[in-house]
């Protein structure tokens, strides 16, 4: 997928880490699924626990996973835009 989007491995991993925790959406979907009978009431606490765990772990993973700065994850000041060879900054 990274070749399709043009991001390198490091930047693709950083984007993926940022997408891990979507707790509020997962809780809403799980609750609606339980109300519709698609998720058993026995499984609901496990889903809530996983939402809480991923919500708490994501910032730690992001801190570790986004230490390195690359041209794709760094916003350049206006005076430097367009100055890196091989990159088209607007």
PDB file of N, CA and C in Angstrom:
ATOM      1  N   UNK A   1       0.819  -1.195   0.000  1.00  0.00           N
ATOM      2  CA  UNK A   1       0.000   0.000   0.000  1.00  0.00           C
ATOM      3  C   UNK A   1       0.862   1.259   0.000  1.00  0.00           C
ATOM      4  N   UNK A   2       2.026   1.199   0.657  1.00  0.00           N
ATOM      5  CA  UNK A   2       2.872   2.385   0.737  1.00  0.00           C
ATOM      6  C   UNK A   2       3.354   2.829  -0.630  1.00  0.00           C
ATOM      7  N   UNK A   3       3.592   1.895  -1.543  1.00  0.00           N
ATOM      8  CA  UNK A   3       4.021   2.273  -2.884  1.00  0.00           C
ATOM      9  C   UNK A   3       2.901   2.991  -3.624  1.00  0.00           C
ATOM     10  N   UNK A   4       1.673   2.584  -3.362  1.00  0.00           N
ATOM     11  CA  UNK A   4       0.520   3.217  -3.999  1.00  0.00           C
ATOM     12  C   UNK A   4       0.344   4.651  -3.505  1.00  0.00           C
ATOM     13  N   UNK A   5       0.560   4.885  -2.219  1.00  0.00           N
ATOM     14  CA  UNK A   5       0.370   6.211  -1.646  1.00  0.00           C
ATOM     15  C   UNK A   5       1.596   7.100  -1.755  1.00  0.00           C
ATOM     16  N   UNK A   6       2.754   6.507  -1.995  1.00  0.00           N
ATOM     17  CA  UNK A   6       3.977   7.296  -2.129  1.00  0.00           C
ATOM     18  C   UNK A   6       4.711   7.540  -0.819  1.00  0.00           C
ATOM     19  N   UNK A   7       4.224   6.985   0.275  1.00  0.00           N
ATOM     20  CA  UNK A   7       4.902   7.130   1.555  1.00  0.00           C
ATOM     21  C   UNK A   7       5.916   6.011   1.729  1.00  0.00           C
ATOM     22  N   UNK A   8       6.968   6.285   2.493  1.00  0.00           N
ATOM     23  CA  UNK A   8       7.951   5.268   2.805  1.00  0.00           C
ATOM     24  C   UNK A   8       7.452   4.366   3.930  1.00  0.00           C
ATOM     25  N   UNK A   9       8.242   3.354   4.246  1.00  0.00           N
ATOM     26  CA  UNK A   9       7.860   2.401   5.295  1.00  0.00           C
ATOM     27  C   UNK A   9       7.664   3.084   6.640  1.00  0.00           C
ATOM     28  N   UNK A  10       8.575   3.968   6.993  1.00  0.00           N
ATOM     29  CA  UNK A  10       8.507   4.638   8.292  1.00  0.00           C
ATOM     30  C   UNK A  10       7.253   5.498   8.399  1.00  0.00           C
ATOM     31  N   UNK A  11       6.974   6.284   7.364  1.00  0.00           N
ATOM     32  CA  UNK A  11       5.802   7.150   7.398  1.00  0.00           C
ATOM     33  C   UNK A  11       4.510   6.342   7.358  1.00  0.00           C
ATOM     34  N   UNK A  12       4.496   5.237   6.627  1.00  0.00           N
ATOM     35  CA  UNK A  12       3.315   4.372   6.590  1.00  0.00           C
ATOM     36  C   UNK A  12       3.034   3.792   7.972  1.00  0.00           C
ATOM     37  N   UNK A  13       4.101   3.392   8.679  1.00  0.00           N
ATOM     38  CA  UNK A  13       3.934   2.868  10.026  1.00  0.00           C
ATOM     39  C   UNK A  13       3.392   3.951  10.953  1.00  0.00           C
ATOM     40  N   UNK A  14       3.894   5.166  10.833  1.00  0.00           N
ATOM     41  CA  UNK A  14       3.431   6.265  11.679  1.00  0.00           C
ATOM     42  C   UNK A  14       1.950   6.554  11.455  1.00  0.00           C
ATOM     43  N   UNK A  15       1.527   6.543  10.212  1.00  0.00           N
ATOM     44  CA  UNK A  15       0.119   6.768   9.894  1.00  0.00           C
ATOM     45  C   UNK A  15      -0.733   5.640  10.480  1.00  0.00           C
ATOM     46  N   UNK A  16      -0.271   4.408  10.323  1.00  0.00           N
ATOM     47  CA  UNK A  16      -0.995   3.260  10.875  1.00  0.00           C
ATOM     48  C   UNK A  16      -1.134   3.326  12.383  1.00  0.00           C
ATOM     49  N   UNK A  17      -0.065   3.739  13.068  1.00  0.00           N
ATOM     50  CA  UNK A  17      -0.124   3.879  14.524  1.00  0.00           C
ATOM     51  C   UNK A  17      -1.157   4.922  14.933  1.00  0.00           C
ATOM     52  N   UNK A  18      -1.229   5.993  14.170  1.00  0.00           N
ATOM     53  CA  UNK A  18      -2.189   7.041  14.483  1.00  0.00           C
ATOM     54  C   UNK A  18      -3.631   6.615  14.287  1.00  0.00           C
ATOM     55  N   UNK A  19      -3.843   5.575  13.509  1.00  0.00           N
ATOM     56  CA  UNK A  19      -5.204   5.121  13.234  1.00  0.00           C
ATOM     57  C   UNK A  19      -5.668   4.009  14.181  1.00  0.00           C
ATOM     58  N   UNK A  20      -4.809   3.575  15.101  1.00  0.00           N
ATOM     59  CA  UNK A  20      -5.166   2.476  16.000  1.00  0.00           C
ATOM     60  C   UNK A  20      -6.373   2.828  16.864  1.00  0.00           C
ATOM     61  N   UNK A  21      -6.286   3.922  17.555  1.00  0.00           N
ATOM     62  CA  UNK A  21      -7.288   4.241  18.573  1.00  0.00           C
ATOM     63  C   UNK A  21      -8.409   5.101  18.002  1.00  0.00           C
ATOM     64  N   UNK A  22      -9.535   4.500  17.870  1.00  0.00           N
ATOM     65  CA  UNK A  22     -10.755   5.211  17.481  1.00  0.00           C
ATOM     66  C   UNK A  22     -11.840   4.767  18.451  1.00  0.00           C
ATOM     67  N   UNK A  23     -11.563   4.995  19.739  1.00  0.00           N
ATOM     68  CA  UNK A  23     -12.368   4.459  20.820  1.00  0.00           C
ATOM     69  C   UNK A  23     -13.826   4.832  20.798  1.00  0.00           C
ATOM     70  N   UNK A  24     -14.132   6.112  20.610  1.00  0.00           N
ATOM     71  CA  UNK A  24     -15.531   6.519  20.682  1.00  0.00           C
ATOM     72  C   UNK A  24     -16.366   5.876  19.585  1.00  0.00           C
ATOM     73  N   UNK A  25     -15.803   5.735  18.411  1.00  0.00           N
ATOM     74  CA  UNK A  25     -16.523   5.091  17.304  1.00  0.00           C
ATOM     75  C   UNK A  25     -16.710   3.606  17.599  1.00  0.00           C
ATOM     76  N   UNK A  26     -15.679   2.952  18.109  1.00  0.00           N
ATOM     77  CA  UNK A  26     -15.773   1.524  18.422  1.00  0.00           C
ATOM     78  C   UNK A  26     -16.821   1.266  19.500  1.00  0.00           C
ATOM     79  N   UNK A  27     -16.893   2.139  20.487  1.00  0.00           N
ATOM     80  CA  UNK A  27     -17.896   1.963  21.542  1.00  0.00           C
ATOM     81  C   UNK A  27     -19.316   2.127  21.001  1.00  0.00           C
ATOM     82  N   UNK A  28     -19.501   3.101  20.139  1.00  0.00           N
ATOM     83  CA  UNK A  28     -20.829   3.310  19.545  1.00  0.00           C
ATOM     84  C   UNK A  28     -21.236   2.116  18.694  1.00  0.00           C
ATOM     85  N   UNK A  29     -20.315   1.648  17.859  1.00  0.00           N
ATOM     86  CA  UNK A  29     -20.608   0.497  16.994  1.00  0.00           C
ATOM     87  C   UNK A  29     -20.876  -0.753  17.831  1.00  0.00           C
ATOM     88  N   UNK A  30     -20.064  -0.972  18.864  1.00  0.00           N
ATOM     89  CA  UNK A  30     -20.263  -2.146  19.724  1.00  0.00           C
ATOM     90  C   UNK A  30     -21.615  -2.077  20.441  1.00  0.00           C
ATOM     91  N   UNK A  31     -21.970  -0.902  20.919  1.00  0.00           N
ATOM     92  CA  UNK A  31     -23.252  -0.762  21.628  1.00  0.00           C
ATOM     93  C   UNK A  31     -24.424  -0.989  20.673  1.00  0.00           C
ATOM     94  N   UNK A  32     -24.342  -0.412  19.484  1.00  0.00           N
ATOM     95  CA  UNK A  32     -25.411  -0.619  18.501  1.00  0.00           C
ATOM     96  C   UNK A  32     -25.484  -2.096  18.103  1.00  0.00           C
ATOM     97  N   UNK A  33     -24.330  -2.745  17.964  1.00  0.00           N
ATOM     98  CA  UNK A  33     -24.301  -4.172  17.650  1.00  0.00           C
ATOM     99  C   UNK A  33     -24.926  -5.002  18.751  1.00  0.00           C
ATOM    100  N   UNK A  34     -24.677  -4.633  20.006  1.00  0.00           N
ATOM    101  CA  UNK A  34     -25.275  -5.349  21.134  1.00  0.00           C
ATOM    102  C   UNK A  34     -26.785  -5.138  21.167  1.00  0.00           C
ATOM    103  N   UNK A  35     -27.218  -3.915  20.890  1.00  0.00           N
ATOM    104  CA  UNK A  35     -28.651  -3.621  20.869  1.00  0.00           C
ATOM    105  C   UNK A  35     -29.370  -4.376  19.756  1.00  0.00           C
ATOM    106  N   UNK A  36     -28.672  -4.565  18.625  1.00  0.00           N
ATOM    107  CA  UNK A  36     -29.276  -5.276  17.487  1.00  0.00           C
ATOM    108  C   UNK A  36     -29.134  -6.784  17.614  1.00  0.00           C
ATOM    109  N   UNK A  37     -28.445  -7.255  18.650  1.00  0.00           N
ATOM    110  CA  UNK A  37     -28.267  -8.685  18.843  1.00  0.00           C
ATOM    111  C   UNK A  37     -27.117  -9.276  18.045  1.00  0.00           C
ATOM    112  N   UNK A  38     -26.280  -8.425  17.452  1.00  0.00           N
ATOM    113  CA  UNK A  38     -25.139  -8.898  16.667  1.00  0.00           C
ATOM    114  C   UNK A  38     -23.923  -9.192  17.537  1.00  0.00           C
ATOM    115  N   UNK A  39     -23.852  -8.542  18.682  1.00  0.00           N
ATOM    116  CA  UNK A  39     -22.765  -8.760  19.645  1.00  0.00           C
ATOM    117  C   UNK A  39     -23.419  -9.227  20.935  1.00  0.00           C
ATOM    118  N   UNK A  40     -22.971 -10.363  21.453  1.00  0.00           N
ATOM    119  CA  UNK A  40     -23.570 -10.878  22.679  1.00  0.00           C
ATOM    120  C   UNK A  40     -23.194  -9.991  23.862  1.00  0.00           C
ATOM    121  N   UNK A  41     -24.064  -9.951  24.832  1.00  0.00           N
ATOM    122  CA  UNK A  41     -23.801  -9.162  26.032  1.00  0.00           C
ATOM    123  C   UNK A  41     -22.572  -9.685  26.776  1.00  0.00           C
ATOM    124  N   UNK A  42     -22.246 -10.951  26.553  1.00  0.00           N
ATOM    125  CA  UNK A  42     -21.062 -11.554  27.175  1.00  0.00           C
ATOM    126  C   UNK A  42     -19.774 -11.000  26.550  1.00  0.00           C
ATOM    127  N   UNK A  43     -19.815 -10.664  25.267  1.00  0.00           N
ATOM    128  CA  UNK A  43     -18.638 -10.144  24.564  1.00  0.00           C
ATOM    129  C   UNK A  43     -18.458  -8.642  24.741  1.00  0.00           C
ATOM    130  N   UNK A  44     -19.523  -7.945  25.080  1.00  0.00           N
ATOM    131  CA  UNK A  44     -19.466  -6.479  25.166  1.00  0.00           C
ATOM    132  C   UNK A  44     -18.396  -5.968  26.126  1.00  0.00           C
ATOM    133  N   UNK A  45     -18.265  -6.515  27.356  1.00  0.00           N
ATOM    134  CA  UNK A  45     -17.193  -6.027  28.248  1.00  0.00           C
ATOM    135  C   UNK A  45     -15.791  -6.227  27.664  1.00  0.00           C
ATOM    136  N   UNK A  46     -15.578  -7.312  26.936  1.00  0.00           N
ATOM    137  CA  UNK A  46     -14.268  -7.538  26.315  1.00  0.00           C
ATOM    138  C   UNK A  46     -13.984  -6.480  25.250  1.00  0.00           C
ATOM    139  N   UNK A  47     -14.999  -6.108  24.501  1.00  0.00           N
ATOM    140  CA  UNK A  47     -14.840  -5.065  23.477  1.00  0.00           C
ATOM    141  C   UNK A  47     -14.511  -3.730  24.146  1.00  0.00           C
ATOM    142  N   UNK A  48     -15.224  -3.406  25.211  1.00  0.00           N
ATOM    143  CA  UNK A  48     -14.965  -2.161  25.937  1.00  0.00           C
ATOM    144  C   UNK A  48     -13.537  -2.165  26.490  1.00  0.00           C
ATOM    145  N   UNK A  49     -13.090  -3.285  27.037  1.00  0.00           N
ATOM    146  CA  UNK A  49     -11.732  -3.389  27.560  1.00  0.00           C
ATOM    147  C   UNK A  49     -10.696  -3.154  26.456  1.00  0.00           C
ATOM    148  N   UNK A  50     -10.920  -3.744  25.294  1.00  0.00           N
ATOM    149  CA  UNK A  50      -9.979  -3.550  24.179  1.00  0.00           C
ATOM    150  C   UNK A  50      -9.960  -2.097  23.717  1.00  0.00           C
ATOM    151  N   UNK A  51     -11.098  -1.445  23.716  1.00  0.00           N
ATOM    152  CA  UNK A  51     -11.155  -0.025  23.350  1.00  0.00           C
ATOM    153  C   UNK A  51     -10.340   0.800  24.345  1.00  0.00           C
ATOM    154  N   UNK A  52     -10.492   0.507  25.630  1.00  0.00           N
ATOM    155  CA  UNK A  52      -9.746   1.236  26.655  1.00  0.00           C
ATOM    156  C   UNK A  52      -8.246   0.988  26.521  1.00  0.00           C
ATOM    157  N   UNK A  53      -7.855  -0.263  26.336  1.00  0.00           N
ATOM    158  CA  UNK A  53      -6.430  -0.602  26.211  1.00  0.00           C
ATOM    159  C   UNK A  53      -5.813   0.084  24.996  1.00  0.00           C
ATOM    160  N   UNK A  54      -6.458  -0.005  23.837  1.00  0.00           N
ATOM    161  CA  UNK A  54      -5.882   0.618  22.636  1.00  0.00           C
ATOM    162  C   UNK A  54      -5.849   2.135  22.754  1.00  0.00           C
ATOM    163  N   UNK A  55      -6.826   2.708  23.434  1.00  0.00           N
ATOM    164  CA  UNK A  55      -6.832   4.156  23.638  1.00  0.00           C
ATOM    165  C   UNK A  55      -5.666   4.592  24.527  1.00  0.00           C
ATOM    166  N   UNK A  56      -5.336   3.787  25.525  1.00  0.00           N
ATOM    167  CA  UNK A  56      -4.233   4.123  26.421  1.00  0.00           C
ATOM    168  C   UNK A  56      -2.856   3.835  25.818  1.00  0.00           C
ATOM    169  N   UNK A  57      -2.759   2.810  24.991  1.00  0.00           N
ATOM    170  CA  UNK A  57      -1.469   2.396  24.430  1.00  0.00           C
ATOM    171  C   UNK A  57      -1.066   3.237  23.211  1.00  0.00           C
ATOM    172  N   UNK A  58      -2.026   3.729  22.475  1.00  0.00           N
ATOM    173  CA  UNK A  58      -1.723   4.449  21.236  1.00  0.00           C
ATOM    174  C   UNK A  58      -0.772   5.629  21.424  1.00  0.00           C
ATOM    175  N   UNK A  59      -0.963   6.523  22.401  1.00  0.00           N
ATOM    176  CA  UNK A  59      -0.011   7.630  22.544  1.00  0.00           C
ATOM    177  C   UNK A  59       1.424   7.171  22.794  1.00  0.00           C
ATOM    178  N   UNK A  60       1.581   6.084  23.554  1.00  0.00           N
ATOM    179  CA  UNK A  60       2.927   5.557  23.810  1.00  0.00           C
ATOM    180  C   UNK A  60       3.561   5.047  22.525  1.00  0.00           C
ATOM    181  N   UNK A  61       2.777   4.310  21.728  1.00  0.00           N
ATOM    182  CA  UNK A  61       3.295   3.803  20.458  1.00  0.00           C
ATOM    183  C   UNK A  61       3.616   4.936  19.496  1.00  0.00           C
ATOM    184  N   UNK A  62       2.790   5.965  19.482  1.00  0.00           N
ATOM    185  CA  UNK A  62       3.048   7.116  18.617  1.00  0.00           C
ATOM    186  C   UNK A  62       4.332   7.832  19.016  1.00  0.00           C
ATOM    187  N   UNK A  63       4.561   7.950  20.312  1.00  0.00           N
ATOM    188  CA  UNK A  63       5.778   8.617  20.783  1.00  0.00           C
ATOM    189  C   UNK A  63       7.020   7.876  20.309  1.00  0.00           C
ATOM    190  N   UNK A  64       6.989   6.554  20.402  1.00  0.00           N
ATOM    191  CA  UNK A  64       8.119   5.736  19.955  1.00  0.00           C
ATOM    192  C   UNK A  64       8.189   5.703  18.428  1.00  0.00           C
ATOM    193  N   UNK A  65       7.046   5.575  17.799  1.00  0.00           N
ATOM    194  CA  UNK A  65       7.007   5.391  16.354  1.00  0.00           C
ATOM    195  C   UNK A  65       7.213   6.629  15.526  1.00  0.00           C
ATOM    196  N   UNK A  66       7.168   7.811  16.143  1.00  0.00           N
ATOM    197  CA  UNK A  66       7.307   9.035  15.360  1.00  0.00           C
ATOM    198  C   UNK A  66       8.497   9.884  15.805  1.00  0.00           C
ATOM    199  N   UNK A  67       9.515   9.237  16.321  1.00  0.00           N
ATOM    200  CA  UNK A  67      10.710   9.968  16.747  1.00  0.00           C
ATOM    201  C   UNK A  67      11.481  10.539  15.563  1.00  0.00           C
ATOM    202  N   UNK A  68      11.592   9.756  14.521  1.00  0.00           N
ATOM    203  CA  UNK A  68      12.401  10.148  13.377  1.00  0.00           C
ATOM    204  C   UNK A  68      11.624  11.119  12.487  1.00  0.00           C
ATOM    205  N   UNK A  69      12.265  12.215  12.100  1.00  0.00           N
ATOM    206  CA  UNK A  69      11.627  13.151  11.184  1.00  0.00           C
ATOM    207  C   UNK A  69      12.066  12.836   9.763  1.00  0.00           C
ATOM    208  N   UNK A  70      11.113  12.824   8.873  1.00  0.00           N
ATOM    209  CA  UNK A  70      11.386  12.618   7.444  1.00  0.00           C
ATOM    210  C   UNK A  70      10.745  13.768   6.681  1.00  0.00           C
ATOM    211  N   UNK A  71      11.115  13.966   5.420  1.00  0.00           N
ATOM    212  CA  UNK A  71      10.481  15.041   4.643  1.00  0.00           C
ATOM    213  C   UNK A  71       8.966  14.887   4.534  1.00  0.00           C
ATOM    214  N   UNK A  72       8.464  13.655   4.605  1.00  0.00           N
ATOM    215  CA  UNK A  72       7.027  13.447   4.484  1.00  0.00           C
ATOM    216  C   UNK A  72       6.262  13.754   5.765  1.00  0.00           C
ATOM    217  N   UNK A  73       6.939  13.728   6.927  1.00  0.00           N
ATOM    218  CA  UNK A  73       6.216  13.992   8.176  1.00  0.00           C
ATOM    219  C   UNK A  73       6.642  15.293   8.845  1.00  0.00           C
ATOM    220  N   UNK A  74       7.377  16.116   8.126  1.00  0.00           N
ATOM    221  CA  UNK A  74       7.866  17.374   8.662  1.00  0.00           C
ATOM    222  C   UNK A  74       7.313  18.527   7.840  1.00  0.00           C
ATOM    223  N   UNK A  75       6.700  19.479   8.502  1.00  0.00           N
ATOM    224  CA  UNK A  75       6.205  20.663   7.806  1.00  0.00           C
ATOM    225  C   UNK A  75       7.342  21.669   7.729  1.00  0.00           C
ATOM    226  N   UNK A  76       7.670  22.062   6.531  1.00  0.00           N
ATOM    227  CA  UNK A  76       8.748  23.010   6.336  1.00  0.00           C
ATOM    228  C   UNK A  76       8.243  24.435   6.470  1.00  0.00           C
ATOM    229  N   UNK A  77       9.099  25.330   7.003  1.00  0.00           N
ATOM    230  CA  UNK A  77       8.705  26.736   7.040  1.00  0.00           C
ATOM    231  C   UNK A  77       8.601  27.272   5.617  1.00  0.00           C
ATOM    232  N   UNK A  78       7.807  28.316   5.398  1.00  0.00           N
ATOM    233  CA  UNK A  78       7.584  28.830   4.037  1.00  0.00           C
ATOM    234  C   UNK A  78       8.869  29.169   3.281  1.00  0.00           C
ATOM    235  N   UNK A  79       9.881  29.671   3.977  1.00  0.00           N
ATOM    236  CA  UNK A  79      11.114  30.056   3.271  1.00  0.00           C
ATOM    237  C   UNK A  79      11.913  28.859   2.759  1.00  0.00           C
ATOM    238  N   UNK A  80      11.629  27.662   3.278  1.00  0.00           N
ATOM    239  CA  UNK A  80      12.358  26.458   2.859  1.00  0.00           C
ATOM    240  C   UNK A  80      11.563  25.592   1.887  1.00  0.00           C
ATOM    241  N   UNK A  81      10.326  25.919   1.641  1.00  0.00           N
ATOM    242  CA  UNK A  81       9.510  25.066   0.784  1.00  0.00           C
ATOM    243  C   UNK A  81      10.080  25.032  -0.620  1.00  0.00           C
ATOM    244  N   UNK A  82      10.131  23.834  -1.165  1.00  0.00           N
ATOM    245  CA  UNK A  82      10.650  23.638  -2.511  1.00  0.00           C
ATOM    246  C   UNK A  82      12.159  23.525  -2.576  1.00  0.00           C
ATOM    247  N   UNK A  83      12.837  23.534  -1.417  1.00  0.00           N
ATOM    248  CA  UNK A  83      14.298  23.533  -1.433  1.00  0.00           C
ATOM    249  C   UNK A  83      14.921  22.151  -1.360  1.00  0.00           C
ATOM    250  N   UNK A  84      14.129  21.118  -1.096  1.00  0.00           N
ATOM    251  CA  UNK A  84      14.691  19.778  -1.018  1.00  0.00           C
ATOM    252  C   UNK A  84      14.631  19.107  -2.382  1.00  0.00           C
ATOM    253  N   UNK A  85      15.739  18.552  -2.838  1.00  0.00           N
ATOM    254  CA  UNK A  85      15.725  17.890  -4.138  1.00  0.00           C
ATOM    255  C   UNK A  85      14.843  16.647  -4.115  1.00  0.00           C
ATOM    256  N   UNK A  86      14.100  16.455  -5.198  1.00  0.00           N
ATOM    257  CA  UNK A  86      13.262  15.269  -5.335  1.00  0.00           C
ATOM    258  C   UNK A  86      11.917  15.383  -4.663  1.00  0.00           C
ATOM    259  N   UNK A  87      11.635  16.459  -3.992  1.00  0.00           N
ATOM    260  CA  UNK A  87      10.344  16.649  -3.328  1.00  0.00           C
ATOM    261  C   UNK A  87       9.709  17.922  -3.851  1.00  0.00           C
ATOM    262  N   UNK A  88       8.436  17.833  -4.167  1.00  0.00           N
ATOM    263  CA  UNK A  88       7.693  19.002  -4.609  1.00  0.00           C
ATOM    264  C   UNK A  88       6.826  19.485  -3.455  1.00  0.00           C
ATOM    265  N   UNK A  89       7.251  20.550  -2.800  1.00  0.00           N
ATOM    266  CA  UNK A  89       6.482  21.127  -1.710  1.00  0.00           C
ATOM    267  C   UNK A  89       5.774  22.367  -2.229  1.00  0.00           C
ATOM    268  N   UNK A  90       4.562  22.509  -1.794  1.00  0.00           N
ATOM    269  CA  UNK A  90       3.785  23.679  -2.234  1.00  0.00           C
ATOM    270  C   UNK A  90       3.566  24.598  -1.053  1.00  0.00           C
TER     271      UNK A  90
END
